[in-house]
Amino acid sequence: MREENALDRPIIAVVGTSRSGKTVVCDILSRSPRIFCFRELHFFDSNEHSTTETPCNYEAAEQLYAKLLDIQENGILGQGNTHAYGKEAHKQVENMNLTGKPAYTVYNNFLQYFSEQQKPGARPCDQTGGYVYYIDDMRKFFPGIQFICLLRDPRFVLASKKHKWSWQQVRQSGIPYREWIRQRLQYHPWILSKLWRTIAHKSIEFKGCTDVYVLTYESLKQQTQERIIELCNYLEIEHNLDMDTVYNHKIGGVDAIPMQTPNTRIETNQRCTAMGISPTELFICQLFCASEMHSLGYDLWKVWPNPLSLLWYLLIFPVKLVLAAMANHRRISRLSDAIKRRLAV
C-alpha cells in the first residue's frame, strides 16, 4: 500500500531513449501553468531501496531529500554538496513525518512539495529517461501517474550521442572531464543498440495503455502542433500558442530555430556519416534493432560493414561491457538489477 502525502497530485514521467527530445517535451510542458518539470533526478537507479517497502530511518530520509535538492539545483553532473541542503531537508523530513516511510514516499513528497513551492497547483514532472525500466514499479507506488515515452531512430541516437560526447563538444559545453571519460568508456554500438531495443520493445508493448503516451522524435519534428495538441489532450491540460514554439536543443544551450522550420537539416545516412558514425556502426545497430525498427516504421538502410572493423567491435565488446559497469557503479546503487532491467529483451 502506497503512503499518502498532504500534496498528492498525479506525477508525470517523461521516459524513453536518450537523445530523443525529452528536454524539448519538458520545455513544452513547462509552458503550462499546471505542470512543473524537474531535472533528471535518477531516483530509481541511485537509491538502493527505491523499489522496496523498506522504511527509511531519519538519517536516510534526510540524506535522500538533501540529495534530491542538490540534483534539482545543480544537475546530475554538478551534484555533490548535499550538506548545503541539510537544513532544508531536516525541516521537511520533520514537518512531513517522513521517518520510517519508504524511499519512494520521500521522493514523492519532494516532488509534490518542491513543485508546489515553484509553481502552486502544478503537477510534478520528472524527465529521467531511465524510468522506462521502472514503469511497473511506479504504477504501483504512484496511482494516477502518466508516462510520456519518447523514441527516436536508433541510428540517429547513436550519431547524436557520439557527437555530444566528442571532445570538441565537451570542451565547449564545460561538462566535467570525468563525465566525458565515463561516457567514452561505455560507448559501443552493440551496448547502445541493445539498450534502445529494450526500450523500444517496452514501448511497443505499452501502445494502447491509457497511462502511456508513446511519441517519436520524428513525428514531433514533422507534425509539431498536432503532436503537442495530442499531448495536451492526454494530460488533460490546455494547449496554448507558446507551446508551438519548439526549439532544437543542443549541448551547451538552446538552438533558437523552431523545429518546424523548413531549414531543418534532413536526417539521412550522409548526415550520420558526417557526425562520425561508420557503416559498421550502422550495420550493428540495424542488426540488433531491425525487428523493433520495423514495428515502429523505421526503414532499414542498405549498408555494408567493414569486416575488420566488425571484428574489432566484437573483440572489444566484453571489455567495453566491463568498463561500462565500472563507470556506473557509483551512480547506480543496484548495478546487477539495473543491468537485468536494461537487457531484459
Protein backbone atom coordinates (compact mmCIF):
# COMPACT_ATOMS: atom_id res chain seq x y z
CA MET A 1 0.00 0.00 0.00
CA ARG A 2 1.39 3.37 -1.02
CA GLU A 3 1.97 6.01 1.62
CA GLU A 4 -0.09 9.20 1.27
CA ASN A 5 1.17 12.78 1.41
CA ALA A 6 -0.55 16.07 2.10
CA LEU A 7 0.06 17.05 -1.51
CA ASP A 8 -0.61 14.18 -3.86
CA ARG A 9 -1.07 15.34 -7.43
CA PRO A 10 -0.53 12.67 -10.11
CA ILE A 11 3.08 12.54 -11.29
CA ILE A 12 4.14 12.80 -14.92
CA ALA A 13 7.23 10.87 -16.04
CA VAL A 14 8.95 11.63 -19.35
CA VAL A 15 10.87 8.46 -20.16
CA GLY A 16 12.49 6.73 -23.13
CA THR A 17 15.69 6.54 -25.11
CA SER A 18 18.46 9.08 -24.75
CA ARG A 19 18.82 11.92 -27.29
CA SER A 20 15.12 11.63 -28.20
CA GLY A 21 13.75 15.04 -27.27
CA LYS A 22 12.99 14.81 -23.54
CA THR A 23 14.26 18.35 -22.97
CA VAL A 24 12.09 19.65 -25.82
CA VAL A 25 8.99 17.91 -24.47
CA CYS A 26 9.62 19.22 -20.97
CA ASP A 27 10.00 22.74 -22.36
CA ILE A 28 6.60 22.31 -23.99
CA LEU A 29 5.02 21.05 -20.78
CA SER A 30 6.65 23.80 -18.71
CA ARG A 31 4.68 26.36 -20.65
CA SER A 32 1.53 25.09 -19.00
CA PRO A 33 0.73 26.62 -15.59
CA ARG A 34 -0.39 23.17 -14.47
CA ILE A 35 2.95 21.37 -14.85
CA PHE A 36 6.35 21.86 -13.22
CA CYS A 37 9.26 19.97 -14.80
CA PHE A 38 12.19 18.77 -12.73
CA ARG A 39 15.68 17.95 -13.92
CA GLU A 40 16.66 14.30 -14.36
CA LEU A 41 16.60 13.12 -10.74
CA HIS A 42 17.66 9.47 -11.30
CA PHE A 43 15.94 8.36 -8.11
CA PHE A 44 15.19 4.75 -9.01
CA ASP A 45 18.69 3.87 -10.21
CA SER A 46 20.59 5.70 -7.49
CA ASN A 47 18.70 4.56 -4.40
CA GLU A 48 19.17 1.04 -3.11
CA HIS A 49 15.65 0.75 -1.68
CA SER A 50 13.76 2.74 -4.34
CA THR A 51 11.55 -0.20 -5.35
CA THR A 52 11.05 -1.76 -1.91
CA GLU A 53 8.87 -1.12 1.13
CA THR A 54 11.97 -0.86 3.36
CA PRO A 55 11.42 2.10 5.73
CA CYS A 56 13.98 4.91 5.85
CA ASN A 57 15.36 5.91 9.20
CA TYR A 58 15.67 9.63 9.94
CA GLU A 59 19.22 9.90 8.64
CA ALA A 60 18.47 8.06 5.40
CA ALA A 61 15.35 10.14 4.72
CA GLU A 62 17.21 13.39 5.34
CA GLN A 63 20.14 12.32 3.16
CA LEU A 64 17.84 11.31 0.30
CA TYR A 65 15.89 14.57 0.49
CA ALA A 66 19.08 16.63 0.52
CA LYS A 67 20.42 14.66 -2.46
CA LEU A 68 17.26 15.32 -4.48
CA LEU A 69 17.51 19.04 -3.68
CA ASP A 70 21.17 19.01 -4.73
CA ILE A 71 20.41 17.35 -8.07
CA GLN A 72 17.48 19.65 -8.78
CA GLU A 73 19.54 22.76 -8.10
CA ASN A 74 22.86 21.69 -9.65
CA GLY A 75 22.05 18.89 -12.08
CA ILE A 76 23.13 15.26 -12.03
CA LEU A 77 26.64 16.25 -13.16
CA GLY A 78 27.01 19.14 -10.72
CA GLN A 79 25.70 17.44 -7.61
CA GLY A 80 27.94 16.57 -4.68
CA ASN A 81 27.29 19.11 -1.93
CA THR A 82 24.32 17.64 -0.06
CA HIS A 83 25.43 19.33 3.17
CA ALA A 84 24.33 22.66 1.72
CA TYR A 85 20.75 21.38 1.68
CA GLY A 86 20.82 19.57 5.01
CA LYS A 87 18.89 22.25 6.90
CA GLU A 88 16.04 22.35 4.40
CA ALA A 89 15.96 18.55 4.19
CA HIS A 90 15.93 18.29 8.00
CA LYS A 91 12.95 20.67 8.21
CA GLN A 92 10.94 18.83 5.55
CA VAL A 93 11.60 15.35 6.94
CA GLU A 94 10.35 16.51 10.34
CA ASN A 95 7.37 18.53 9.10
CA MET A 96 6.09 15.75 6.82
CA ASN A 97 6.94 12.96 9.27
CA LEU A 98 8.97 11.04 6.68
CA THR A 99 10.96 8.97 9.18
CA GLY A 100 10.03 5.31 8.81
CA LYS A 101 8.48 5.82 5.36
CA PRO A 102 9.71 4.02 2.21
CA ALA A 103 12.19 5.85 -0.03
CA TYR A 104 9.62 6.30 -2.79
CA THR A 105 7.40 8.20 -0.33
CA VAL A 106 10.28 10.58 0.43
CA TYR A 107 10.81 11.02 -3.32
CA ASN A 108 7.11 11.67 -3.91
CA ASN A 109 6.99 14.20 -1.08
CA PHE A 110 9.96 16.02 -2.58
CA LEU A 111 8.26 16.20 -5.99
CA GLN A 112 4.98 17.42 -4.54
CA TYR A 113 6.43 19.96 -2.12
CA PHE A 114 9.07 21.43 -4.43
CA SER A 115 6.70 21.77 -7.40
CA GLU A 116 4.11 23.44 -5.16
CA GLN A 117 6.75 25.92 -3.98
CA GLN A 118 7.88 26.75 -7.51
CA LYS A 119 4.52 26.67 -9.32
CA PRO A 120 1.48 26.41 -7.00
CA GLY A 121 -1.10 23.91 -8.14
CA ALA A 122 1.18 22.30 -10.74
CA ARG A 123 1.70 18.59 -11.27
CA PRO A 124 5.31 17.40 -10.86
CA CYS A 125 7.10 16.01 -13.92
CA ASP A 126 10.40 14.08 -13.77
CA GLN A 127 12.28 13.69 -17.05
CA THR A 128 14.61 10.81 -16.16
CA GLY A 129 14.60 8.65 -19.29
CA GLY A 130 15.76 5.54 -17.43
CA TYR A 131 12.47 5.35 -15.51
CA VAL A 132 11.16 3.42 -18.51
CA TYR A 133 12.67 0.35 -16.85
CA TYR A 134 10.63 1.00 -13.70
CA ILE A 135 7.18 1.68 -15.14
CA ASP A 136 5.53 -1.25 -13.37
CA ASP A 137 7.04 -0.21 -10.02
CA MET A 138 5.99 3.41 -10.49
CA ARG A 139 2.45 2.39 -11.37
CA LYS A 140 2.26 0.55 -8.06
CA PHE A 141 3.77 3.36 -5.98
CA PHE A 142 2.10 6.35 -7.64
CA PRO A 143 -1.54 5.72 -8.67
CA GLY A 144 -2.65 8.06 -11.43
CA ILE A 145 0.88 8.51 -12.82
CA GLN A 146 1.12 9.23 -16.54
CA PHE A 147 4.08 8.35 -18.76
CA ILE A 148 5.32 10.01 -21.93
CA CYS A 149 7.63 7.55 -23.67
CA LEU A 150 9.95 9.05 -26.28
CA LEU A 151 11.65 7.16 -29.09
CA ARG A 152 13.97 8.08 -31.93
CA ASP A 153 15.52 6.24 -34.86
CA PRO A 154 18.34 4.29 -33.16
CA ARG A 155 20.84 5.21 -35.88
CA PHE A 156 20.40 8.88 -35.04
CA VAL A 157 20.54 8.14 -31.33
CA LEU A 158 23.98 6.66 -31.95
CA ALA A 159 25.01 9.62 -34.08
CA SER A 160 23.70 12.21 -31.64
CA LYS A 161 25.23 10.50 -28.62
CA LYS A 162 28.62 10.13 -30.28
CA HIS A 163 28.53 13.73 -31.43
CA LYS A 164 27.50 15.02 -27.99
CA TRP A 165 30.42 13.33 -26.27
CA SER A 166 33.07 14.29 -28.79
CA TRP A 167 35.99 16.11 -27.16
CA GLN A 168 35.26 19.31 -29.05
CA GLN A 169 31.64 19.40 -27.87
CA VAL A 170 32.59 18.63 -24.28
CA ARG A 171 35.20 21.41 -24.20
CA GLN A 172 32.67 23.91 -25.48
CA SER A 173 29.99 22.86 -23.01
CA GLY A 174 32.10 22.70 -19.87
CA ILE A 175 31.00 19.17 -18.97
CA PRO A 176 33.28 17.65 -16.30
CA TYR A 177 36.22 15.72 -17.70
CA ARG A 178 35.38 12.66 -15.58
CA GLU A 179 31.91 12.53 -17.16
CA TRP A 180 33.43 12.60 -20.65
CA ILE A 181 35.65 9.66 -19.70
CA ARG A 182 32.65 7.77 -18.30
CA GLN A 183 30.63 8.26 -21.46
CA ARG A 184 33.50 7.34 -23.76
CA LEU A 185 34.25 4.19 -21.76
CA GLN A 186 30.71 2.92 -22.18
CA TYR A 187 30.20 3.90 -25.81
CA HIS A 188 29.80 0.86 -28.03
CA PRO A 189 27.23 0.42 -30.83
CA TRP A 190 26.24 -3.01 -29.52
CA ILE A 191 25.59 -1.72 -26.00
CA LEU A 192 23.60 1.33 -27.10
CA SER A 193 21.66 -0.68 -29.69
CA LYS A 194 20.75 -3.26 -27.07
CA LEU A 195 19.53 -0.55 -24.69
CA TRP A 196 17.46 1.03 -27.46
CA ARG A 197 15.95 -2.33 -28.37
CA THR A 198 14.82 -2.98 -24.78
CA ILE A 199 13.13 0.42 -24.53
CA ALA A 200 11.56 0.13 -27.98
CA HIS A 201 10.23 -3.33 -27.15
CA LYS A 202 8.65 -2.00 -23.95
CA SER A 203 7.19 0.97 -25.83
CA ILE A 204 5.56 -1.30 -28.38
CA GLU A 205 4.04 -3.33 -25.54
CA PHE A 206 2.73 -0.14 -23.90
CA LYS A 207 0.94 1.08 -27.03
CA GLY A 208 -2.73 1.07 -26.22
CA CYS A 209 -2.18 1.58 -22.47
CA THR A 210 -4.15 4.57 -21.24
CA ASP A 211 -1.35 5.71 -18.91
CA VAL A 212 1.46 5.69 -21.53
CA TYR A 213 1.72 8.09 -24.46
CA VAL A 214 4.33 6.97 -26.99
CA LEU A 215 5.87 9.79 -29.02
CA THR A 216 8.62 9.62 -31.62
CA TYR A 217 11.17 12.36 -32.15
CA GLU A 218 10.49 12.33 -35.89
CA SER A 219 6.73 12.83 -35.57
CA LEU A 220 7.28 15.71 -33.15
CA LYS A 221 9.55 17.43 -35.68
CA GLN A 222 7.32 16.81 -38.69
CA GLN A 223 3.90 17.32 -37.09
CA THR A 224 4.74 19.56 -34.18
CA GLN A 225 1.39 21.21 -33.48
CA GLU A 226 -0.62 18.01 -33.96
CA ARG A 227 1.58 16.08 -31.55
CA ILE A 228 1.52 18.88 -28.97
CA ILE A 229 -2.29 19.01 -29.06
CA GLU A 230 -2.40 15.22 -28.64
CA LEU A 231 -0.02 15.52 -25.69
CA CYS A 232 -2.18 18.20 -24.06
CA ASN A 233 -5.31 16.11 -24.53
CA TYR A 234 -3.56 13.10 -22.99
CA LEU A 235 -2.52 15.10 -19.90
CA GLU A 236 -5.83 16.99 -19.82
CA ILE A 237 -4.19 20.41 -19.91
CA GLU A 238 -4.99 23.40 -22.07
CA HIS A 239 -3.00 23.92 -25.25
CA ASN A 240 -1.54 27.39 -25.69
CA LEU A 241 0.32 29.07 -28.54
CA ASP A 242 3.57 29.30 -26.58
CA MET A 243 3.82 25.51 -26.74
CA ASP A 244 4.05 25.61 -30.52
CA THR A 245 7.41 27.38 -30.42
CA VAL A 246 9.55 24.29 -30.06
CA TYR A 247 13.30 24.54 -30.27
CA ASN A 248 16.10 22.18 -31.14
CA HIS A 249 18.20 21.60 -28.02
CA LYS A 250 21.91 21.16 -28.43
CA ILE A 251 24.66 20.64 -25.90
CA GLY A 252 25.68 23.90 -24.28
CA GLY A 253 22.45 25.74 -24.98
CA VAL A 254 19.24 26.05 -26.96
CA ASP A 255 19.07 26.50 -30.69
CA ALA A 256 16.53 29.26 -31.33
CA ILE A 257 15.46 27.89 -34.73
CA PRO A 258 11.95 26.34 -34.44
CA MET A 259 11.87 22.63 -35.20
CA GLN A 260 9.08 23.05 -37.74
CA THR A 261 11.11 25.45 -39.90
CA PRO A 262 11.83 24.24 -43.47
CA ASN A 263 15.52 24.98 -42.85
CA THR A 264 15.86 21.94 -40.58
CA ARG A 265 18.51 19.58 -41.95
CA ILE A 266 17.24 16.28 -43.29
CA GLU A 267 18.44 13.35 -41.22
CA THR A 268 19.94 10.96 -43.74
CA ASN A 269 22.65 8.38 -43.98
CA GLN A 270 25.03 11.12 -45.12
CA ARG A 271 24.26 13.13 -42.01
CA CYS A 272 25.10 10.17 -39.77
CA THR A 273 28.39 9.71 -41.58
CA ALA A 274 29.15 13.41 -41.22
CA MET A 275 28.57 13.09 -37.47
CA GLY A 276 31.12 10.31 -37.24
CA ILE A 277 29.02 7.14 -37.47
CA SER A 278 30.68 4.46 -39.56
CA PRO A 279 28.88 1.96 -41.83
CA THR A 280 29.92 -0.75 -39.38
CA GLU A 281 28.19 1.02 -36.51
CA LEU A 282 25.08 1.45 -38.62
CA PHE A 283 25.19 -2.25 -39.54
CA ILE A 284 25.47 -3.33 -35.90
CA CYS A 285 22.64 -1.01 -34.90
CA GLN A 286 20.30 -2.37 -37.56
CA LEU A 287 21.31 -5.95 -36.81
CA PHE A 288 20.19 -5.61 -33.18
CA CYS A 289 17.18 -3.34 -33.70
CA ALA A 290 15.67 -4.48 -37.00
CA SER A 291 12.50 -6.05 -35.59
CA GLU A 292 11.59 -3.10 -33.37
CA MET A 293 12.56 -0.60 -36.08
CA HIS A 294 10.18 -2.32 -38.49
CA SER A 295 7.36 -2.24 -35.92
CA LEU A 296 7.92 1.48 -35.37
CA GLY A 297 8.06 2.30 -39.09
CA TYR A 298 11.79 2.94 -39.48
CA ASP A 299 13.10 1.74 -42.84
CA LEU A 300 16.34 -0.22 -42.92
CA TRP A 301 19.20 1.14 -44.99
CA LYS A 302 21.42 -0.85 -47.26
CA VAL A 303 24.79 -0.69 -45.55
CA TRP A 304 27.79 -2.99 -45.58
CA PRO A 305 30.23 -3.20 -42.67
CA ASN A 306 33.99 -3.24 -42.83
CA PRO A 307 34.94 -6.84 -41.81
CA LEU A 308 37.99 -5.73 -39.84
CA SER A 309 36.01 -3.03 -38.07
CA LEU A 310 33.25 -5.50 -37.27
CA LEU A 311 35.82 -7.92 -35.81
CA TRP A 312 37.30 -5.09 -33.73
CA TYR A 313 33.91 -4.19 -32.24
CA LEU A 314 33.32 -7.86 -31.47
CA LEU A 315 36.66 -8.20 -29.67
CA ILE A 316 36.29 -5.08 -27.55
CA PHE A 317 32.65 -5.71 -26.67
CA PRO A 318 33.31 -7.65 -23.40
CA VAL A 319 35.93 -5.08 -22.41
CA LYS A 320 33.50 -2.21 -23.02
CA LEU A 321 30.79 -4.03 -21.09
CA VAL A 322 33.04 -4.34 -18.05
CA LEU A 323 34.20 -0.72 -18.36
CA ALA A 324 30.60 0.47 -18.63
CA ALA A 325 29.69 -1.40 -15.45
CA MET A 326 32.72 0.02 -13.62
CA ALA A 327 32.00 3.54 -14.85
CA ASN A 328 28.45 3.43 -13.48
CA HIS A 329 28.88 1.54 -10.22
CA ARG A 330 28.82 4.75 -8.13
CA ARG A 331 25.84 6.28 -9.90
CA ILE A 332 23.74 3.10 -9.92
CA SER A 333 23.27 1.57 -6.48
CA ARG A 334 21.97 -1.84 -7.60
CA LEU A 335 24.07 -2.49 -10.66
CA SER A 336 23.04 -6.12 -11.20
CA ASP A 337 19.34 -5.21 -11.07
CA ALA A 338 19.88 -2.25 -13.40
CA ILE A 339 21.69 -4.43 -15.96
CA LYS A 340 18.97 -7.07 -15.78
CA ARG A 341 16.26 -4.49 -16.45
CA ARG A 342 18.18 -2.99 -19.38
CA LEU A 343 18.97 -6.30 -21.04
CA ALA A 344 15.53 -7.84 -20.49
CA VAL A 345 14.88 -8.31 -24.22
